[in-house]
Amino acid sequence: MKNIIITGTSRGIGHELALQFANAGHQVLAISRKIPQTLLGNINITCLSVDLSNEKELSKVNDFLSKSWKQIDGIVHNAGSLILKPFSETTQDDFESIYKVNVFGVANLTRIALPYLQNGSHVVTVSSMGGIQGSLKFAGLAAYSSSKGAVITLMELLAEEYKERGISFNVLALGSVQTEMLEEAFPGYQAPISASEMANYIFDFTLTGNKYFNGKVLQVSSTNP
């Protein structure tokens, strides 16, 4: 049994992932702004309502960890925020709101978790093909895609900084997955992979990927991008 933190569990990949880990007997700390009824009542899931864009709210995570968990075996930074706007209309406030979730939220949660991470722990960050240098880019996603590029570099740096402690940091750069966020951004587009299917992959990678990778970015996409 492992202790796993997952963010963005109110819907989509994060929701499916929380259920998969819990059903496999692992203990899950499910973090999202809204707590879905479908996760409540599961004896292996603890739900916390946290706005990752607000650093002060992360004190709830710190309080839980200090009282309930002695160690963290895995983190899946799955939560994400997206704005689809022409760059000429994308304000600094827009950029800041995206970066607060996609970059600062990842950094702040990881910092809080560090005292509980140990040799063999695996931190997995869900990025996007849009954040990969040289990949096909979509107009209107300047804030989102650049934030996903920033978090890739952050994880590479942390892998180097904490390699002596045996903590692994890897990134999965996803292509299109059929989630509510994708439907909201691109109505009518049908992705080739469902949220449940991608959750299957991330579940296995979180448990075993650190045996083979550290400080790496894996492109998980069957389409371009």
Protein backbone atom coordinates (compact mmCIF):
# COMPACT_ATOMS: atom_id res chain seq x y z
CA MET A 1 0.00 0.00 0.00
CA LYS A 2 1.35 3.41 -0.99
CA ASN A 3 0.42 7.00 -0.11
CA ILE A 4 -0.35 8.96 -3.26
CA ILE A 5 -1.26 12.65 -3.68
CA ILE A 6 -3.27 13.52 -6.79
CA THR A 7 -4.38 17.02 -7.80
CA GLY A 8 -7.25 17.97 -10.07
CA THR A 9 -9.46 15.10 -8.92
CA SER A 10 -12.88 16.69 -9.42
CA ARG A 11 -13.15 15.39 -12.98
CA GLY A 12 -11.31 13.90 -15.93
CA ILE A 13 -7.99 12.11 -15.62
CA GLY A 14 -7.45 13.04 -11.97
CA HIS A 15 -10.84 11.70 -10.92
CA GLU A 16 -10.28 8.41 -12.72
CA LEU A 17 -6.78 8.16 -11.32
CA ALA A 18 -7.93 8.66 -7.72
CA LEU A 19 -10.43 5.83 -8.09
CA GLN A 20 -7.88 3.52 -9.67
CA PHE A 21 -5.34 3.99 -6.90
CA ALA A 22 -7.99 3.63 -4.20
CA ASN A 23 -9.50 0.52 -5.77
CA ALA A 24 -6.02 -1.01 -5.91
CA GLY A 25 -5.71 -0.55 -2.15
CA HIS A 26 -3.53 2.56 -2.02
CA GLN A 27 -4.21 5.58 0.18
CA VAL A 28 -5.08 8.68 -1.85
CA LEU A 29 -5.06 12.36 -0.92
CA ALA A 30 -7.36 13.84 -3.58
CA ILE A 31 -6.93 17.59 -3.98
CA SER A 32 -9.29 19.77 -5.98
CA ARG A 33 -11.29 22.97 -5.58
CA LYS A 34 -14.57 21.07 -5.84
CA ILE A 35 -14.97 17.70 -4.13
CA PRO A 36 -17.00 15.23 -6.24
CA GLN A 37 -19.57 13.08 -4.48
CA THR A 38 -18.21 10.07 -6.34
CA LEU A 39 -15.01 10.13 -4.28
CA LEU A 40 -16.63 10.63 -0.89
CA GLY A 41 -17.20 7.51 1.15
CA ASN A 42 -14.26 5.62 -0.34
CA ILE A 43 -12.26 4.46 2.67
CA ASN A 44 -8.98 4.82 0.76
CA ILE A 45 -9.55 8.42 -0.36
CA THR A 46 -9.20 11.61 1.66
CA CYS A 47 -10.58 14.65 -0.19
CA LEU A 48 -9.30 18.17 0.44
CA SER A 49 -10.85 21.26 -1.09
CA VAL A 50 -7.84 23.37 -2.04
CA ASP A 51 -7.40 26.18 -4.55
CA LEU A 52 -3.87 25.53 -5.79
CA SER A 53 -3.60 29.10 -7.06
CA ASN A 54 -3.79 30.32 -3.45
CA GLU A 55 -0.60 29.43 -1.59
CA LYS A 56 -2.23 29.98 1.81
CA GLU A 57 -4.80 27.24 1.11
CA LEU A 58 -2.00 24.69 0.83
CA SER A 59 -1.72 24.87 4.60
CA LYS A 60 -4.60 22.36 4.58
CA VAL A 61 -2.29 19.87 2.88
CA ASN A 62 0.49 20.55 5.35
CA ASP A 63 -1.89 20.04 8.28
CA PHE A 64 -3.13 16.72 6.87
CA LEU A 65 0.36 15.40 6.21
CA SER A 66 1.69 16.34 9.63
CA LYS A 67 -1.18 14.56 11.37
CA SER A 68 -1.90 11.59 9.12
CA TRP A 69 0.96 10.50 6.86
CA LYS A 70 4.54 9.68 7.75
CA GLN A 71 5.63 9.43 4.13
CA ILE A 72 4.54 10.15 0.55
CA ASP A 73 5.29 7.53 -2.08
CA GLY A 74 3.97 9.41 -5.10
CA ILE A 75 2.57 12.72 -6.30
CA VAL A 76 0.67 13.23 -9.53
CA HIS A 77 0.50 16.93 -10.38
CA ASN A 78 -2.51 16.62 -12.65
CA ALA A 79 -4.45 19.85 -11.99
CA GLY A 80 -4.39 22.33 -14.83
CA SER A 81 -5.90 25.62 -15.89
CA LEU A 82 -6.42 26.75 -19.47
CA ILE A 83 -7.37 29.99 -21.20
CA LEU A 84 -8.04 30.07 -24.94
CA LYS A 85 -7.54 33.63 -26.20
CA PRO A 86 -5.67 35.41 -28.95
CA PHE A 87 -2.34 36.59 -27.58
CA SER A 88 -3.29 40.23 -28.24
CA GLU A 89 -6.18 39.82 -25.80
CA THR A 90 -4.30 37.78 -23.17
CA THR A 91 -3.58 40.04 -20.21
CA GLN A 92 -1.00 39.77 -17.46
CA ASP A 93 -3.81 38.72 -15.13
CA ASP A 94 -4.60 35.88 -17.55
CA PHE A 95 -0.99 34.74 -17.54
CA GLU A 96 -0.78 34.98 -13.76
CA SER A 97 -3.98 32.97 -13.20
CA ILE A 98 -2.68 30.15 -15.42
CA TYR A 99 0.81 30.15 -13.93
CA LYS A 100 -0.52 30.17 -10.36
CA VAL A 101 -2.10 26.75 -10.96
CA ASN A 102 0.13 25.17 -13.58
CA VAL A 103 3.52 26.26 -12.24
CA PHE A 104 3.36 27.86 -8.79
CA GLY A 105 0.83 25.33 -7.52
CA VAL A 106 3.12 22.49 -8.59
CA ALA A 107 6.15 24.14 -6.99
CA ASN A 108 4.38 24.99 -3.72
CA LEU A 109 2.81 21.57 -3.24
CA THR A 110 6.11 19.85 -3.99
CA ARG A 111 7.88 22.04 -1.42
CA ILE A 112 5.31 21.11 1.24
CA ALA A 113 5.69 17.42 0.39
CA LEU A 114 9.50 17.36 0.48
CA PRO A 115 9.86 16.39 4.16
CA TYR A 116 7.67 13.32 3.48
CA LEU A 117 9.31 12.23 0.24
CA GLN A 118 11.97 9.54 0.59
CA ASN A 119 14.22 7.27 -1.39
CA GLY A 120 11.98 5.66 -4.01
CA SER A 121 9.31 8.36 -4.05
CA HIS A 122 8.08 9.42 -7.49
CA VAL A 123 6.79 12.87 -8.44
CA VAL A 124 4.93 12.86 -11.76
CA THR A 125 3.87 16.11 -13.42
CA VAL A 126 1.29 16.10 -16.18
CA SER A 127 2.37 18.57 -18.84
CA SER A 128 1.29 18.94 -22.45
CA MET A 129 2.70 18.42 -25.91
CA GLY A 130 2.10 22.14 -26.26
CA GLY A 131 4.94 22.70 -23.82
CA ILE A 132 7.45 20.65 -25.81
CA GLN A 133 9.96 22.67 -27.78
CA GLY A 134 9.50 22.12 -31.50
CA SER A 135 6.05 20.52 -31.22
CA LEU A 136 3.03 21.76 -33.14
CA LYS A 137 1.46 24.69 -31.32
CA PHE A 138 -2.12 25.95 -31.26
CA ALA A 139 -2.95 29.65 -31.54
CA GLY A 140 -4.67 31.07 -28.49
CA LEU A 141 -2.80 28.94 -25.94
CA ALA A 142 0.15 31.24 -25.21
CA ALA A 143 -0.41 31.27 -21.44
CA TYR A 144 -1.28 27.58 -21.13
CA SER A 145 1.42 26.11 -23.36
CA SER A 146 4.19 28.35 -22.00
CA SER A 147 3.23 27.35 -18.45
CA LYS A 148 3.46 23.70 -19.42
CA GLY A 149 6.92 24.34 -20.83
CA ALA A 150 7.96 26.06 -17.58
CA VAL A 151 6.90 23.14 -15.41
CA ILE A 152 8.94 20.75 -17.56
CA THR A 153 12.10 22.70 -16.79
CA LEU A 154 11.15 22.89 -13.11
CA MET A 155 10.91 19.10 -12.85
CA GLU A 156 14.23 18.62 -14.64
CA LEU A 157 15.86 20.93 -12.10
CA LEU A 158 14.28 19.18 -9.10
CA ALA A 159 15.41 15.79 -10.40
CA GLU A 160 18.98 17.04 -10.31
CA GLU A 161 18.65 18.81 -6.96
CA TYR A 162 17.17 15.82 -5.12
CA LYS A 163 18.81 12.88 -6.88
CA GLU A 164 21.02 12.18 -3.84
CA ARG A 165 17.85 11.62 -1.78
CA GLY A 166 16.57 9.10 -4.31
CA ILE A 167 13.47 11.11 -5.20
CA SER A 168 12.49 10.86 -8.88
CA PHE A 169 10.83 13.66 -10.84
CA ASN A 170 9.40 12.95 -14.28
CA VAL A 171 7.02 14.65 -16.70
CA LEU A 172 4.36 13.18 -18.95
CA ALA A 173 3.62 15.51 -21.85
CA LEU A 174 0.15 14.47 -22.96
CA GLY A 175 -1.42 14.85 -26.36
CA SER A 176 -5.16 15.24 -26.75
CA VAL A 177 -7.27 13.33 -24.22
CA GLN A 178 -11.07 13.40 -24.17
CA THR A 179 -11.70 15.42 -21.01
CA GLU A 180 -14.10 18.15 -19.99
CA MET A 181 -11.30 20.72 -20.27
CA LEU A 182 -10.59 19.69 -23.85
CA GLU A 183 -14.29 19.90 -24.73
CA GLU A 184 -14.53 23.36 -23.20
CA ALA A 185 -11.50 24.60 -25.13
CA PHE A 186 -12.24 22.84 -28.43
CA PRO A 187 -15.97 22.04 -28.63
CA GLY A 188 -16.72 19.11 -30.92
CA TYR A 189 -13.16 17.82 -31.15
CA GLN A 190 -12.93 14.08 -30.45
CA ALA A 191 -9.65 12.90 -28.94
CA PRO A 192 -8.46 9.33 -29.59
CA ILE A 193 -7.85 8.54 -25.90
CA SER A 194 -10.34 8.69 -23.02
CA ALA A 195 -9.62 10.04 -19.55
CA SER A 196 -9.89 6.53 -18.13
CA GLU A 197 -7.40 5.13 -20.64
CA MET A 198 -4.87 7.85 -19.88
CA ALA A 199 -5.40 7.31 -16.15
CA ASN A 200 -4.46 3.65 -16.66
CA TYR A 201 -1.15 4.72 -18.16
CA ILE A 202 -0.38 7.30 -15.47
CA PHE A 203 -1.30 4.82 -12.73
CA ASP A 204 1.29 2.32 -13.95
CA PHE A 205 3.90 5.00 -14.64
CA THR A 206 3.57 6.50 -11.16
CA LEU A 207 4.19 3.14 -9.53
CA THR A 208 6.99 1.88 -11.77
CA GLY A 209 8.30 4.67 -14.04
CA ASN A 210 10.90 5.85 -11.57
CA LYS A 211 12.71 2.53 -11.94
CA TYR A 212 13.62 3.55 -15.47
CA PHE A 213 13.42 7.37 -15.61
CA ASN A 214 14.43 10.45 -13.63
CA GLY A 215 14.40 14.02 -14.85
CA LYS A 216 12.83 12.91 -18.11
CA VAL A 217 9.98 14.16 -20.27
CA LEU A 218 7.95 11.43 -21.94
CA GLN A 219 5.74 12.41 -24.85
CA VAL A 220 2.49 10.48 -24.42
CA SER A 221 0.57 11.20 -27.59
CA SER A 222 -0.85 9.17 -30.43
CA THR A 223 -1.63 12.29 -32.45
CA ASN A 224 0.16 15.40 -33.65
CA PRO A 225 0.29 17.01 -31.16
